[in-house]
Protein backbone atom coordinates (compact mmCIF):
# COMPACT_ATOMS: atom_id res chain seq x y z
CA MET A 1 13.08 -2.63 -19.26
CA LYS A 2 15.53 -3.65 -16.00
CA LYS A 3 19.01 -2.43 -17.64
CA ILE A 4 18.62 1.52 -17.64
CA PHE A 5 17.18 1.55 -14.37
CA ASN A 6 19.98 -1.16 -12.97
CA LEU A 7 22.53 0.67 -14.56
CA ILE A 8 21.83 4.66 -12.55
CA ILE A 9 20.86 3.99 -9.24
CA ILE A 10 23.95 4.78 -7.36
CA SER A 11 26.38 2.21 -4.85
CA LEU A 12 26.66 3.73 -1.01
CA VAL A 13 25.57 2.63 2.01
CA CYS A 14 21.57 4.39 2.10
CA ALA A 15 21.36 6.92 4.48
CA VAL A 16 19.57 5.48 6.66
CA GLY A 17 21.58 2.27 7.30
CA CYS A 18 19.93 -0.18 4.06
CA ASP A 19 23.46 -1.13 2.15
CA LEU A 20 22.37 -1.39 -1.79
CA ASP A 21 25.29 -4.25 -1.60
CA MET A 22 25.85 -3.44 -5.55
CA ASP A 23 29.15 -3.48 -7.64
CA PRO A 24 30.27 0.58 -7.60
CA SER A 25 32.48 -0.48 -11.60
CA SER A 26 28.68 -0.24 -12.61
CA ALA A 27 26.80 2.84 -11.13
CA VAL A 28 26.96 5.40 -13.45
CA SER A 29 25.30 9.03 -12.36
CA PRO A 30 22.06 9.84 -12.91
CA GLY A 31 23.98 13.23 -14.75
CA SER A 32 25.45 10.91 -17.55
CA VAL A 33 22.31 9.44 -18.19
CA THR A 34 20.32 11.35 -21.14
CA SER A 35 16.44 12.86 -21.56
CA GLN A 36 16.35 9.62 -24.98
CA ASP A 37 16.68 6.99 -21.60
CA ILE A 38 13.12 9.00 -19.88
CA VAL A 39 10.97 6.28 -20.70
CA SER A 40 13.25 3.10 -19.85
CA LEU A 41 13.96 5.83 -16.65
CA ARG A 42 9.96 5.33 -16.19
CA SER A 43 9.14 1.53 -16.60
CA GLY A 44 11.81 0.81 -14.25
CA MET A 45 11.39 3.22 -11.94
CA TYR A 46 7.14 1.72 -11.48
CA ILE A 47 8.99 -1.49 -11.04
CA LYS A 48 11.62 -0.37 -8.11
CA VAL A 49 8.32 0.72 -6.44
CA GLN A 50 6.71 -2.42 -7.43
CA GLU A 51 9.42 -4.68 -6.36
CA GLU A 52 11.98 -3.60 -3.04
CA PRO A 53 9.07 -3.64 -1.20
CA GLY A 54 8.80 -7.21 -1.41
CA GLU A 55 5.55 -8.64 -1.46
CA LYS A 56 5.57 -8.74 2.43
CA ALA A 57 5.15 -5.12 2.63
CA TYR A 58 1.13 -5.60 0.60
CA ILE A 59 0.50 -7.10 3.53
CA MET A 60 1.69 -6.31 6.53
CA PHE A 61 -0.89 -4.12 8.09
CA ASP A 62 -3.09 -7.63 7.52
CA LEU A 63 -0.25 -9.60 9.12
CA PHE A 64 -0.63 -7.08 11.91
CA GLY A 65 -4.01 -6.41 11.24
CA GLY A 66 -5.31 -9.82 13.37
CA ASN A 67 -6.59 -10.47 9.71
CA LEU A 68 -3.93 -13.60 9.19
CA THR A 69 -2.75 -16.74 11.18
CA THR A 70 0.49 -18.84 10.60
CA LYS A 71 -0.96 -21.73 9.09
CA ALA A 72 -0.31 -23.83 12.04
CA SER A 73 -1.71 -21.91 14.43
CA LYS A 74 -5.57 -20.38 14.37
CA ASN A 75 -3.98 -17.29 16.55
CA SER A 76 -3.16 -14.42 14.85
CA ILE A 77 -1.77 -12.78 18.17
CA ASP A 78 1.46 -14.92 18.58
CA LEU A 79 1.67 -13.89 14.38
CA ILE A 80 0.84 -9.91 15.49
CA ASN A 81 3.79 -10.89 18.49
CA SER A 82 6.62 -12.76 16.41
CA LEU A 83 6.91 -9.66 14.03
CA SER A 84 6.67 -7.16 16.85
CA THR A 85 10.27 -7.63 17.31
CA ALA A 86 13.76 -5.15 16.67
CA MET A 87 14.87 -8.57 15.20
CA SER A 88 12.06 -9.21 12.44
CA GLY A 89 13.51 -9.82 9.31
CA ASP A 90 10.16 -9.16 7.06
CA VAL A 91 10.22 -6.21 9.13
CA LEU A 92 13.52 -4.74 7.71
CA ASP A 93 13.14 -6.04 4.85
CA GLN A 94 9.86 -3.45 4.35
CA TRP A 95 12.55 -0.89 5.50
CA GLN A 96 15.27 -0.93 3.53
CA GLY A 97 12.61 -1.73 -0.19
CA PHE A 98 10.79 1.21 0.80
CA TYR A 99 14.05 3.39 0.87
CA LYS A 100 16.04 1.41 -1.53
CA ALA A 101 12.39 2.62 -3.89
CA LEU A 102 13.13 5.75 -2.86
CA MET A 103 16.78 6.26 -2.94
CA GLN A 104 15.86 5.06 -7.58
CA VAL A 105 12.20 7.53 -7.43
CA ASN A 106 14.85 10.65 -6.48
CA ASN A 107 17.49 9.31 -8.83
CA VAL A 108 14.47 9.54 -12.20
CA TYR A 109 13.13 13.07 -10.37
CA SER A 110 16.80 14.08 -11.12
CA ILE A 111 16.78 13.32 -14.46
CA ALA A 112 13.51 14.34 -15.30
CA GLU A 113 14.02 17.78 -13.28
CA GLY A 114 17.25 18.21 -16.54
CA MET A 115 14.66 18.06 -19.77
CA GLY A 116 13.25 20.57 -21.37
CA GLU A 117 10.31 21.95 -20.91
CA GLY A 118 6.88 19.35 -22.53
CA ALA A 119 4.44 17.09 -21.29
CA MET A 120 6.86 14.33 -20.84
CA ARG A 121 9.19 16.00 -17.92
CA ASN A 122 5.58 16.83 -16.70
CA LYS A 123 4.30 13.47 -16.68
CA VAL A 124 7.36 12.07 -15.22
CA LEU A 125 8.11 14.99 -12.32
CA GLY A 126 3.99 13.87 -11.18
CA GLU A 127 4.52 10.64 -10.69
CA CYS A 128 7.96 11.13 -9.02
CA HIS A 129 5.98 12.85 -6.84
CA TYR A 130 2.92 10.27 -6.67
CA PHE A 131 6.00 7.89 -5.57
CA ARG A 132 7.66 9.90 -3.23
CA ALA A 133 4.71 10.91 -1.27
CA TYR A 134 3.15 6.81 -1.35
CA LEU A 135 6.47 5.94 0.07
CA HIS A 136 7.38 8.66 3.05
CA LEU A 137 3.47 7.10 3.42
CA CYS A 138 3.85 3.76 3.75
CA LEU A 139 6.95 3.98 6.37
CA VAL A 140 5.19 6.54 8.65
CA THR A 141 1.66 4.96 8.77
CA ARG A 142 4.52 1.71 10.13
CA PHE A 143 7.01 3.57 11.45
CA GLY A 144 5.67 6.90 13.26
CA ASP A 145 9.21 9.57 13.22
CA VAL A 146 10.95 7.95 10.40
CA PRO A 147 13.87 9.65 8.06
CA LEU A 148 12.55 12.51 5.36
CA MET A 149 13.94 11.56 1.91
CA LYS A 150 13.77 14.03 -0.82
CA PHE A 151 16.91 13.87 -1.78
CA ASN A 152 19.92 11.44 -1.84
CA THR A 153 23.00 11.22 0.92
CA ASP A 154 24.57 9.51 2.34
CA ASP A 155 24.86 11.45 5.51
CA LEU A 156 23.51 9.38 8.82
CA VAL A 157 20.47 11.27 9.34
CA SER A 158 17.90 10.98 11.88
CA ARG A 159 13.98 10.23 12.34
CA THR A 160 11.76 13.61 11.18
CA PRO A 161 8.55 13.83 13.07
CA ALA A 162 6.40 12.11 11.85
CA ALA A 163 4.32 15.53 11.52
CA GLU A 164 6.61 17.23 9.23
CA VAL A 165 6.55 13.66 6.92
CA TRP A 166 2.46 14.25 6.46
CA GLN A 167 2.77 17.50 6.07
CA PHE A 168 5.74 16.60 3.10
CA ILE A 169 3.38 13.63 1.60
CA TYR A 170 0.12 16.04 1.18
CA ASP A 171 2.69 18.58 -0.05
CA GLU A 172 3.36 16.03 -3.05
CA LEU A 173 0.22 14.67 -3.24
CA ASP A 174 -0.54 18.87 -4.38
CA LEU A 175 2.64 18.36 -7.25
CA ALA A 176 1.31 15.45 -8.61
CA ILE A 177 -1.95 16.46 -9.09
CA GLY A 178 -1.41 19.80 -10.90
CA LEU A 179 1.67 17.74 -13.37
CA LEU A 180 -0.25 14.41 -13.79
CA GLY A 181 -3.18 13.83 -16.35
CA THR A 182 -5.56 11.73 -17.38
CA PRO A 183 -5.54 7.92 -16.75
CA ASP A 184 -5.08 7.53 -20.53
CA GLU A 185 -2.61 4.96 -20.45
CA GLY A 186 -5.11 2.14 -17.79
CA CYS A 187 -4.94 1.82 -13.91
CA ASN A 188 -1.15 0.40 -13.92
CA TYR A 189 -0.31 3.88 -14.79
CA LEU A 190 -0.33 7.14 -13.24
CA SER A 191 -2.70 9.41 -13.61
CA LYS A 192 -3.95 12.91 -11.60
CA ASP A 193 -6.96 10.84 -10.35
CA ALA A 194 -4.49 8.30 -8.12
CA ALA A 195 -3.50 10.94 -6.90
CA LYS A 196 -6.50 12.81 -5.74
CA ALA A 197 -6.96 8.93 -4.14
CA LEU A 198 -4.14 8.81 -2.21
CA LYS A 199 -4.96 12.36 -0.97
CA ALA A 200 -8.31 11.97 -0.34
CA ARG A 201 -6.43 8.81 2.17
CA VAL A 202 -3.80 10.88 3.32
CA CYS A 203 -6.44 13.16 4.82
CA LEU A 204 -8.71 10.95 5.90
CA TYR A 205 -5.63 9.66 8.45
CA THR A 206 -4.90 13.39 9.60
CA GLY A 207 -8.15 14.76 9.98
CA LYS A 208 -8.89 16.91 6.56
CA LYS A 209 -12.08 15.99 6.69
CA GLN A 210 -13.33 17.93 4.38
CA GLU A 211 -11.02 18.01 1.94
CA ALA A 212 -11.25 14.39 2.51
CA VAL A 213 -14.86 14.03 1.37
CA GLU A 214 -13.96 16.45 -1.26
CA LEU A 215 -11.63 14.39 -3.64
CA ALA A 216 -13.48 11.15 -2.89
CA GLU A 217 -17.34 12.69 -4.02
CA SER A 218 -14.71 13.77 -7.29
CA LEU A 219 -13.77 10.31 -8.49
CA ILE A 220 -17.47 9.12 -7.27
CA ALA A 221 -18.65 11.30 -10.14
CA ASP A 222 -16.86 11.12 -11.91
CA ALA A 223 -18.16 8.86 -14.55
CA ARG A 224 -14.79 7.04 -16.02
CA TYR A 225 -14.99 4.70 -12.52
CA GLY A 226 -17.86 2.96 -10.94
CA LEU A 227 -18.29 0.69 -8.44
CA ASP A 228 -18.32 -2.88 -9.91
CA GLY A 229 -18.51 -7.06 -9.67
CA PHE A 230 -16.13 -7.63 -6.92
CA ASP A 231 -15.06 -11.35 -9.09
CA LYS A 232 -13.75 -8.52 -12.79
CA ILE A 233 -11.20 -6.54 -9.63
CA PHE A 234 -10.17 -9.86 -8.87
CA ARG A 235 -10.02 -12.05 -12.03
CA GLY A 236 -8.23 -10.03 -14.41
CA ALA A 237 -11.24 -8.92 -16.18
CA ASN A 238 -11.60 -5.06 -17.56
CA ASN A 239 -13.66 -2.94 -14.74
CA LYS A 240 -14.07 1.26 -13.60
CA GLU A 241 -13.80 0.61 -10.02
CA VAL A 242 -9.66 -0.02 -10.65
CA ILE A 243 -7.97 3.67 -9.88
CA PHE A 244 -4.88 2.52 -9.39
CA ALA A 245 -2.50 -0.48 -9.52
CA PHE A 246 0.93 -2.10 -9.39
CA SER A 247 0.72 -4.17 -12.37
CA CYS A 248 2.89 -6.93 -11.12
CA LEU A 249 3.32 -8.90 -14.74
CA ASN A 250 5.64 -11.82 -14.99
CA THR A 251 6.66 -10.17 -18.57
CA ASP A 252 7.83 -7.53 -15.58
CA GLN A 253 9.78 -10.60 -13.89
CA SER A 254 7.62 -9.75 -10.73
CA LYS A 255 8.12 -11.00 -7.80
CA ILE A 256 5.37 -10.51 -6.45
CA GLY A 257 3.17 -13.51 -5.88
CA ILE A 258 1.00 -13.18 -2.91
CA SER A 259 -1.08 -15.33 -4.67
CA ALA A 260 1.23 -18.28 -3.58
CA MET A 261 1.53 -17.49 -0.10
CA PHE A 262 -1.90 -18.00 0.32
CA TYR A 263 -2.37 -21.65 -1.40
CA SER A 264 -1.65 -25.40 -0.33
CA TYR A 265 0.16 -27.40 -3.17
CA ASN A 266 -3.44 -29.90 -2.86
CA HIS A 267 -5.69 -26.15 -3.78
CA PRO A 268 -6.20 -26.02 -7.68
CA ASN A 269 -3.99 -23.15 -7.63
CA SER A 270 -1.15 -24.21 -4.82
CA GLY A 271 1.53 -22.92 -3.37
CA SER A 272 3.17 -23.01 0.09
CA TYR A 273 0.27 -21.62 1.91
CA VAL A 274 2.31 -19.46 4.52
CA TYR A 275 -0.64 -17.72 5.53
CA ALA A 276 -4.40 -18.76 6.32
CA PRO A 277 -7.40 -16.57 7.18
CA ALA A 278 -8.70 -15.72 10.83
CA GLY A 279 -10.99 -17.82 12.16
CA ASP A 280 -13.54 -15.16 12.36
CA VAL A 281 -12.58 -13.93 8.55
CA MET A 282 -13.67 -16.63 8.04
CA THR A 283 -17.04 -16.22 9.69
CA MET A 284 -17.56 -12.32 8.58
CA TYR A 285 -18.91 -12.39 5.84
CA GLU A 286 -23.43 -12.19 5.17
CA ASP A 287 -25.14 -14.60 3.21
CA GLY A 288 -25.72 -13.09 -0.52
CA ASP A 289 -22.16 -10.73 0.27
CA LEU A 290 -20.76 -10.90 -3.47
CA ARG A 291 -17.32 -10.95 -1.60
CA LYS A 292 -16.69 -13.73 0.06
CA GLU A 293 -15.93 -16.02 -2.81
CA ILE A 294 -14.59 -13.90 -3.62
CA SER A 295 -12.63 -13.56 -0.33
CA ILE A 296 -12.26 -17.02 1.52
CA THR A 297 -12.81 -20.74 0.15
CA THR A 298 -12.32 -23.99 2.11
CA LEU A 299 -10.93 -26.78 0.77
CA ASP A 300 -10.02 -30.48 2.35
CA ASN A 301 -10.61 -28.63 5.49
CA LEU A 302 -8.42 -25.94 4.50
CA ASN A 303 -9.08 -22.40 4.73
CA PHE A 304 -7.52 -19.88 1.89
CA ILE A 305 -8.01 -16.08 1.07
CA ASN A 306 -8.81 -15.91 -2.39
CA LYS A 307 -8.21 -12.87 -3.59
CA TYR A 308 -5.12 -13.17 -5.77
CA PRO A 309 -5.64 -16.49 -7.83
CA SER A 310 -2.58 -16.75 -9.54
CA GLY A 311 -0.87 -19.58 -7.08
CA GLN A 312 2.29 -20.36 -8.27
CA LYS A 313 1.76 -20.33 -11.93
CA GLY A 314 1.95 -16.51 -11.80
CA THR A 315 1.28 -13.18 -10.90
CA ASP A 316 -1.48 -10.66 -9.33
CA PRO A 317 -1.87 -6.74 -9.49
CA VAL A 318 -1.47 -5.47 -6.69
CA VAL A 319 -4.91 -2.82 -6.20
CA VAL A 320 -3.52 0.69 -4.40
CA SER A 321 -6.48 2.80 -4.21
CA ARG A 322 -10.23 1.59 -6.34
CA LEU A 323 -13.45 3.02 -6.04
CA ALA A 324 -14.50 1.47 -3.32
CA GLU A 325 -12.28 3.46 -1.40
CA MET A 326 -13.77 6.66 -2.35
CA TYR A 327 -16.87 5.49 -0.74
CA LEU A 328 -16.21 3.98 2.76
CA ILE A 329 -13.49 7.28 3.39
CA SER A 330 -16.22 10.06 2.59
CA ALA A 331 -18.46 8.09 4.83
CA GLU A 332 -16.29 8.09 7.33
CA ALA A 333 -15.21 11.21 6.90
CA GLN A 334 -18.52 12.35 6.64
CA GLY A 335 -20.42 10.58 10.06
CA ILE A 336 -23.45 9.20 10.13
CA SER A 337 -25.13 12.23 9.34
CA LYS A 338 -24.67 12.25 5.60
CA GLY A 339 -21.47 9.39 5.31
CA LEU A 340 -24.03 6.79 6.15
CA ASN A 341 -25.94 6.71 2.50
CA ARG A 342 -22.26 6.18 1.02
CA LEU A 343 -21.88 3.49 3.30
CA ASN A 344 -24.95 1.97 2.74
CA GLU A 345 -25.06 2.22 -1.58
CA LEU A 346 -21.12 0.42 -1.54
CA ARG A 347 -23.50 -2.51 1.13
CA GLN A 348 -25.91 -2.62 -1.96
CA ALA A 349 -23.30 -3.51 -4.20
CA ARG A 350 -21.67 -6.04 -2.68
CA GLY A 351 -24.99 -7.87 -2.11
CA LEU A 352 -26.30 -6.44 1.50
CA ASN A 353 -29.22 -4.76 3.08
CA LYS A 354 -28.53 -1.67 3.89
CA VAL A 355 -27.37 -0.80 7.51
CA ILE A 356 -29.65 1.77 10.08
CA PRO A 357 -26.61 2.50 13.04
CA GLY A 358 -27.79 4.45 16.43
CA SER A 359 -24.89 6.64 17.29
CA GLU A 360 -21.74 8.25 16.31
CA THR A 361 -19.81 5.49 17.52
CA GLU A 362 -21.98 2.54 16.08
CA PHE A 363 -21.28 4.37 12.48
CA ILE A 364 -17.78 4.14 12.22
CA GLU A 365 -17.83 0.29 13.75
CA ALA A 366 -19.85 -0.18 10.81
CA VAL A 367 -18.02 1.80 8.14
CA LEU A 368 -14.81 0.04 9.93
CA ASP A 369 -15.84 -3.53 9.17
CA GLU A 370 -17.14 -2.32 6.23
CA ARG A 371 -13.74 -1.62 5.29
CA ARG A 372 -12.49 -4.98 6.30
CA LYS A 373 -14.56 -7.27 4.61
CA GLU A 374 -14.13 -4.56 1.71
CA PHE A 375 -9.96 -4.34 1.80
CA LEU A 376 -8.96 -8.12 3.45
CA CYS A 377 -5.59 -8.34 2.86
CA GLU A 378 -5.06 -5.10 0.65
CA GLY A 379 -2.76 -3.46 2.94
CA HIS A 380 -5.67 -1.51 4.71
CA ARG A 381 -7.46 -3.88 8.44
CA TRP A 382 -4.16 -2.55 10.87
CA TYR A 383 -3.48 1.14 9.99
CA ASP A 384 -7.30 1.63 10.84
CA LEU A 385 -7.04 0.15 13.72
CA VAL A 386 -4.33 2.79 15.36
CA ARG A 387 -5.73 5.69 13.30
CA THR A 388 -8.85 5.06 14.75
CA GLY A 389 -7.57 3.76 18.39
CA LYS A 390 -9.18 0.57 18.40
CA ALA A 391 -6.03 -1.74 17.95
CA VAL A 392 -5.01 -2.23 21.46
CA GLU A 393 -8.44 -3.47 22.37
CA LYS A 394 -9.60 -5.44 18.92
CA LEU A 395 -6.27 -7.58 18.58
CA GLY A 396 -4.78 -7.59 22.48
CA ILE A 397 -2.16 -6.15 21.55
CA GLN A 398 0.25 -3.78 23.79
CA GLU A 399 0.04 0.03 23.30
CA TYR A 400 3.54 -0.06 22.30
CA GLN A 401 2.42 -2.27 19.31
CA THR A 402 0.59 0.51 16.94
CA LEU A 403 3.91 1.60 16.17
CA MET A 404 6.23 -1.37 14.09
CA PRO A 405 9.79 -1.45 16.07
CA ILE A 406 13.18 0.37 13.87
CA PRO A 407 14.88 -2.67 12.74
CA ALA A 408 18.30 -3.61 14.87
CA ALA A 409 20.16 -3.69 11.52
CA GLU A 410 19.03 0.05 10.42
CA ARG A 411 20.28 0.92 13.57
CA GLN A 412 23.64 -0.85 13.77
CA ALA A 413 24.40 0.58 10.58
CA ASN A 414 22.52 4.11 11.51
CA ARG A 415 23.62 4.76 15.22
CA ASN A 416 21.30 8.44 14.27
CA LEU A 417 18.31 6.11 15.03
CA THR A 418 15.96 6.01 17.77
CA GLN A 419 13.99 2.84 18.63
CA ASN A 420 10.48 3.48 19.29
CA PRO A 421 9.31 2.84 22.31
CA GLY A 422 8.37 0.04 24.07
CA TYR A 423 10.35 -2.67 21.91
């Protein structure tokens, strides 16, 4: 699976500064790859997008969002401050990883464009549009203005205004929806529904509330999906909730072993115990919450994130979109008058009583609280606080920390990259 996609990566210095560090003699132009190779190229694209950003990229919003601490500290702000530097290797890895993945997607896109008309061409082009949107979304939510990579170039490009990047994401998802079909290959492959789910998120983030509601409600109404048991979602069982997830299988030689960072050697799952849940995470679940035992656990006085159970023995899928998010998108976008029912429907599915907020402000707090419990270590918390203007107050950070720093190494490689204020 990996042989073909490795061949087509052009060896060059990435326009945003990242050095791909490949042997030029082993690289070939995308133009020399025939359409017969598209199945392997497609598989390689999935692996590249899954793997290149690294495992910490999937939990970066939990690291920055106060959900995690290091095993030696109970203070999440210390971890946030240690990451909030232009010298952070973790921040550099995700920046480079997202752009390396984008280069691969753009390569596949250029090949697919040259194919004859047909279902496979449409599918691959639709997947490329989705991944271009997804990767740029990962970048713009972290860094604000970022270089917009519509095509690969060796020019030293500047940062594109965030508003233009957001519009590109929106447009790419429209194209993906138009080209992708039904989820006939399962939730580890992209479909029209996956593109709708991601677009619903983008619409919520950008204030297109009515469109966010329409997209979310269309998936809630789809009989293929339903709120399902939390144990099924995160214990490898068939379920109706997941819309799209990266497979992260050992057969794909995946290195996305999130689980190993959360368990210790004394735990049956075994791990390196890099991160522990923050203190308030251990107390935020109500009695009877069906998410609690799947999300957190304690052994020998050590607290663990329990969502990714494979430990060092394997890798766990990483969920990108699932139906619970559609319930909470619809709830938040509609506000208390119309959205409270969706919030309470999700709570009841998780074994909890209804809530009755007394105001719009209390309702938004309730939605954010539910999102934190529902999506613990699924990469939502930090940006949820940033986009709602609550990050400084809730996390105790400085205003400049509502954006991540542009990595110093990237700015050294590309003199046209400016730094975010405060860093």
